[in-house]
N, C-alpha and C. Protein backbone atom coordinates (compact mmCIF):
# COMPACT_ATOMS: atom_id res chain seq x y z
N MET A 1 6.48 5.55 -5.09
CA MET A 1 6.09 6.25 -3.89
C MET A 1 7.23 6.29 -2.88
N PHE A 2 7.99 5.19 -2.82
CA PHE A 2 9.10 5.09 -1.88
C PHE A 2 10.10 6.22 -2.12
N LEU A 3 10.48 6.43 -3.37
CA LEU A 3 11.44 7.49 -3.71
C LEU A 3 10.86 8.88 -3.49
N ASP A 4 9.57 9.03 -3.76
CA ASP A 4 8.93 10.33 -3.57
C ASP A 4 8.96 10.72 -2.10
N VAL A 5 8.66 9.78 -1.22
CA VAL A 5 8.70 10.06 0.21
C VAL A 5 10.13 10.34 0.67
N ALA A 6 11.09 9.60 0.15
CA ALA A 6 12.49 9.83 0.51
C ALA A 6 12.91 11.25 0.12
N SER A 7 12.45 11.72 -1.02
CA SER A 7 12.75 13.08 -1.45
C SER A 7 12.13 14.10 -0.49
N THR A 8 10.91 13.85 -0.06
CA THR A 8 10.23 14.73 0.89
C THR A 8 10.97 14.75 2.23
N VAL A 9 11.36 13.57 2.71
CA VAL A 9 12.10 13.48 3.98
C VAL A 9 13.42 14.23 3.88
N ALA A 10 13.99 14.25 2.69
CA ALA A 10 15.25 14.98 2.48
C ALA A 10 15.04 16.49 2.47
N GLY A 11 13.78 16.94 2.52
CA GLY A 11 13.50 18.36 2.60
C GLY A 11 13.10 19.02 1.30
N GLU A 12 12.90 18.23 0.27
CA GLU A 12 12.53 18.79 -1.04
C GLU A 12 11.01 19.01 -1.11
N GLU A 13 10.60 20.12 -1.72
CA GLU A 13 9.17 20.40 -1.89
C GLU A 13 8.59 19.67 -3.09
N SER A 14 9.40 19.42 -4.10
CA SER A 14 8.98 18.63 -5.25
C SER A 14 10.01 17.52 -5.43
N PHE A 15 9.67 16.52 -6.20
CA PHE A 15 10.53 15.34 -6.32
C PHE A 15 11.91 15.70 -6.84
N ASP A 16 12.92 15.22 -6.12
CA ASP A 16 14.32 15.40 -6.51
C ASP A 16 14.99 14.04 -6.42
N GLU A 17 15.28 13.45 -7.57
CA GLU A 17 15.85 12.10 -7.64
C GLU A 17 17.15 11.98 -6.85
N ASP A 18 18.05 12.94 -7.01
CA ASP A 18 19.33 12.88 -6.30
C ASP A 18 19.14 12.93 -4.79
N ALA A 19 18.26 13.81 -4.33
CA ALA A 19 17.98 13.91 -2.89
C ALA A 19 17.34 12.63 -2.37
N ALA A 20 16.46 12.03 -3.16
CA ALA A 20 15.79 10.80 -2.75
C ALA A 20 16.79 9.67 -2.56
N PHE A 21 17.67 9.48 -3.54
CA PHE A 21 18.65 8.39 -3.43
C PHE A 21 19.67 8.67 -2.33
N ALA A 22 20.02 9.93 -2.12
CA ALA A 22 20.93 10.27 -1.03
C ALA A 22 20.28 9.95 0.32
N GLN A 23 18.99 10.24 0.43
CA GLN A 23 18.27 9.95 1.68
C GLN A 23 18.19 8.45 1.91
N LEU A 24 17.89 7.69 0.88
CA LEU A 24 17.85 6.23 1.02
C LEU A 24 19.21 5.68 1.41
N ASN A 25 20.26 6.23 0.84
CA ASN A 25 21.61 5.79 1.18
C ASN A 25 21.90 6.04 2.67
N ALA A 26 21.44 7.17 3.17
CA ALA A 26 21.65 7.50 4.59
C ALA A 26 20.86 6.57 5.51
N LEU A 27 19.73 6.07 5.03
CA LEU A 27 18.85 5.22 5.85
C LEU A 27 19.07 3.73 5.67
N LYS A 28 19.88 3.33 4.71
CA LYS A 28 19.96 1.91 4.34
C LYS A 28 20.37 0.99 5.48
N GLY A 29 21.07 1.48 6.47
CA GLY A 29 21.42 0.65 7.61
C GLY A 29 20.23 0.27 8.46
N ASN A 30 19.13 1.01 8.32
CA ASN A 30 17.91 0.75 9.08
C ASN A 30 16.87 -0.05 8.30
N ILE A 31 17.15 -0.34 7.05
CA ILE A 31 16.19 -1.06 6.21
C ILE A 31 16.51 -2.54 6.27
N VAL A 32 15.56 -3.34 6.80
CA VAL A 32 15.76 -4.78 6.92
C VAL A 32 15.53 -5.45 5.58
N LYS A 33 14.45 -5.09 4.93
CA LYS A 33 14.09 -5.72 3.66
C LYS A 33 13.05 -4.87 2.95
N GLU A 34 13.16 -4.81 1.66
CA GLU A 34 12.11 -4.19 0.84
C GLU A 34 11.20 -5.35 0.44
N TYR A 35 10.06 -5.43 1.07
CA TYR A 35 9.18 -6.58 0.82
C TYR A 35 8.26 -6.33 -0.36
N ASP A 36 7.87 -7.42 -1.03
CA ASP A 36 6.95 -7.28 -2.16
C ASP A 36 5.68 -8.10 -1.98
N ARG A 37 5.58 -8.78 -0.84
CA ARG A 37 4.36 -9.52 -0.53
C ARG A 37 3.95 -9.20 0.90
N THR A 38 2.67 -9.04 1.11
CA THR A 38 2.15 -8.77 2.45
C THR A 38 2.60 -9.84 3.43
N SER A 39 2.64 -11.09 2.98
CA SER A 39 3.04 -12.19 3.87
C SER A 39 4.47 -12.01 4.38
N ASP A 40 5.36 -11.41 3.59
CA ASP A 40 6.72 -11.14 4.05
C ASP A 40 6.71 -10.20 5.25
N PHE A 41 5.92 -9.14 5.14
CA PHE A 41 5.82 -8.17 6.24
C PHE A 41 5.23 -8.84 7.46
N VAL A 42 4.14 -9.57 7.29
CA VAL A 42 3.47 -10.24 8.41
C VAL A 42 4.44 -11.20 9.10
N ASN A 43 5.18 -11.97 8.34
CA ASN A 43 6.15 -12.92 8.93
C ASN A 43 7.24 -12.19 9.70
N MET A 44 7.82 -11.15 9.12
CA MET A 44 8.89 -10.41 9.80
C MET A 44 8.37 -9.77 11.10
N PHE A 45 7.16 -9.23 11.04
CA PHE A 45 6.57 -8.56 12.20
C PHE A 45 6.26 -9.58 13.29
N SER A 46 5.64 -10.69 12.92
CA SER A 46 5.25 -11.69 13.92
C SER A 46 6.45 -12.40 14.53
N GLN A 47 7.57 -12.45 13.83
CA GLN A 47 8.77 -13.10 14.35
C GLN A 47 9.70 -12.12 15.07
N GLY A 48 9.29 -10.87 15.17
CA GLY A 48 10.08 -9.88 15.89
C GLY A 48 11.27 -9.33 15.13
N GLU A 49 11.34 -9.60 13.82
CA GLU A 49 12.45 -9.07 13.01
C GLU A 49 12.30 -7.57 12.78
N ILE A 50 11.07 -7.09 12.80
CA ILE A 50 10.79 -5.67 12.65
C ILE A 50 9.76 -5.26 13.70
N ALA A 51 9.76 -4.00 14.07
CA ALA A 51 8.80 -3.49 15.05
C ALA A 51 7.79 -2.55 14.41
N ALA A 52 8.09 -2.10 13.20
CA ALA A 52 7.21 -1.16 12.50
C ALA A 52 7.62 -1.13 11.04
N GLY A 53 6.74 -0.58 10.23
CA GLY A 53 7.06 -0.44 8.82
C GLY A 53 5.86 0.06 8.05
N PRO A 54 6.09 0.45 6.79
CA PRO A 54 4.98 0.91 5.96
C PRO A 54 4.08 -0.26 5.59
N PHE A 55 2.79 -0.07 5.77
CA PHE A 55 1.85 -1.17 5.55
C PHE A 55 0.50 -0.58 5.18
N MET A 56 -0.15 -1.14 4.19
CA MET A 56 -1.45 -0.64 3.76
C MET A 56 -2.55 -1.16 4.69
N GLU A 57 -3.40 -0.26 5.14
CA GLU A 57 -4.45 -0.61 6.09
C GLU A 57 -5.38 -1.70 5.57
N MET A 58 -5.51 -1.81 4.25
CA MET A 58 -6.40 -2.82 3.68
C MET A 58 -5.93 -4.25 3.97
N TYR A 59 -4.67 -4.42 4.40
CA TYR A 59 -4.14 -5.73 4.75
C TYR A 59 -4.02 -5.93 6.26
N LEU A 60 -4.57 -5.02 7.02
CA LEU A 60 -4.43 -5.06 8.47
C LEU A 60 -4.99 -6.34 9.08
N ASN A 61 -6.07 -6.87 8.54
CA ASN A 61 -6.65 -8.11 9.09
C ASN A 61 -5.66 -9.26 9.04
N ASP A 62 -4.85 -9.35 8.00
CA ASP A 62 -3.82 -10.39 7.92
C ASP A 62 -2.81 -10.25 9.06
N LEU A 63 -2.43 -9.02 9.33
CA LEU A 63 -1.46 -8.76 10.39
C LEU A 63 -2.07 -9.01 11.76
N LEU A 64 -3.31 -8.61 11.95
CA LEU A 64 -4.00 -8.84 13.23
C LEU A 64 -4.20 -10.32 13.51
N ALA A 65 -4.39 -11.12 12.47
CA ALA A 65 -4.55 -12.56 12.66
C ALA A 65 -3.26 -13.17 13.21
N ALA A 66 -2.12 -12.64 12.79
CA ALA A 66 -0.82 -13.16 13.23
C ALA A 66 -0.38 -12.54 14.55
N VAL A 67 -0.66 -11.27 14.74
CA VAL A 67 -0.23 -10.54 15.94
C VAL A 67 -1.41 -9.69 16.41
N PRO A 68 -2.29 -10.26 17.23
CA PRO A 68 -3.52 -9.56 17.63
C PRO A 68 -3.32 -8.19 18.29
N GLU A 69 -2.19 -7.98 18.97
CA GLU A 69 -1.98 -6.70 19.64
C GLU A 69 -1.43 -5.61 18.71
N THR A 70 -1.39 -5.89 17.43
CA THR A 70 -0.91 -4.93 16.44
C THR A 70 -1.75 -3.66 16.50
N GLU A 71 -1.08 -2.52 16.34
CA GLU A 71 -1.77 -1.24 16.29
C GLU A 71 -1.39 -0.52 15.00
N PHE A 72 -2.38 -0.13 14.23
CA PHE A 72 -2.14 0.62 13.00
C PHE A 72 -2.12 2.10 13.35
N VAL A 73 -1.07 2.79 12.95
CA VAL A 73 -0.92 4.20 13.27
C VAL A 73 -0.75 4.99 11.97
N THR A 74 -1.53 6.04 11.84
CA THR A 74 -1.38 6.94 10.70
C THR A 74 -0.37 8.02 11.09
N PRO A 75 0.68 8.22 10.32
CA PRO A 75 1.69 9.23 10.67
C PRO A 75 1.09 10.63 10.80
N SER A 76 1.56 11.36 11.78
CA SER A 76 1.06 12.73 11.97
C SER A 76 1.40 13.61 10.77
N GLU A 77 2.43 13.23 10.02
CA GLU A 77 2.81 13.98 8.83
C GLU A 77 1.84 13.78 7.67
N GLY A 78 0.97 12.80 7.79
CA GLY A 78 0.00 12.52 6.75
C GLY A 78 0.36 11.29 5.94
N LEU A 79 -0.48 10.99 4.98
CA LEU A 79 -0.33 9.80 4.14
C LEU A 79 0.15 10.19 2.76
N MET A 80 0.63 9.20 2.04
CA MET A 80 1.05 9.39 0.66
C MET A 80 -0.19 9.64 -0.20
N PRO A 81 -0.24 10.71 -0.96
CA PRO A 81 -1.44 10.96 -1.81
C PRO A 81 -1.56 9.89 -2.88
N CYS A 82 -2.78 9.53 -3.15
CA CYS A 82 -3.06 8.51 -4.18
C CYS A 82 -3.38 9.15 -5.51
């Protein structure tokens, strides 16, 4: 999904591997960490290492327990299709 969204951000209507990796390369200075556990995201967010990031709403209670003022926002561009 990460690469698919990168391709879309690069302006492609259908998946383009080269465009996706080029887009990620352009953004890599803004990427703190590619996390693989919800707890990693919660820790980074609660410690102020990150201010926002992709997060599944089904884990929002974990984040709210650590940072009660957290606000979940759905992008105006829409969500990744399942």
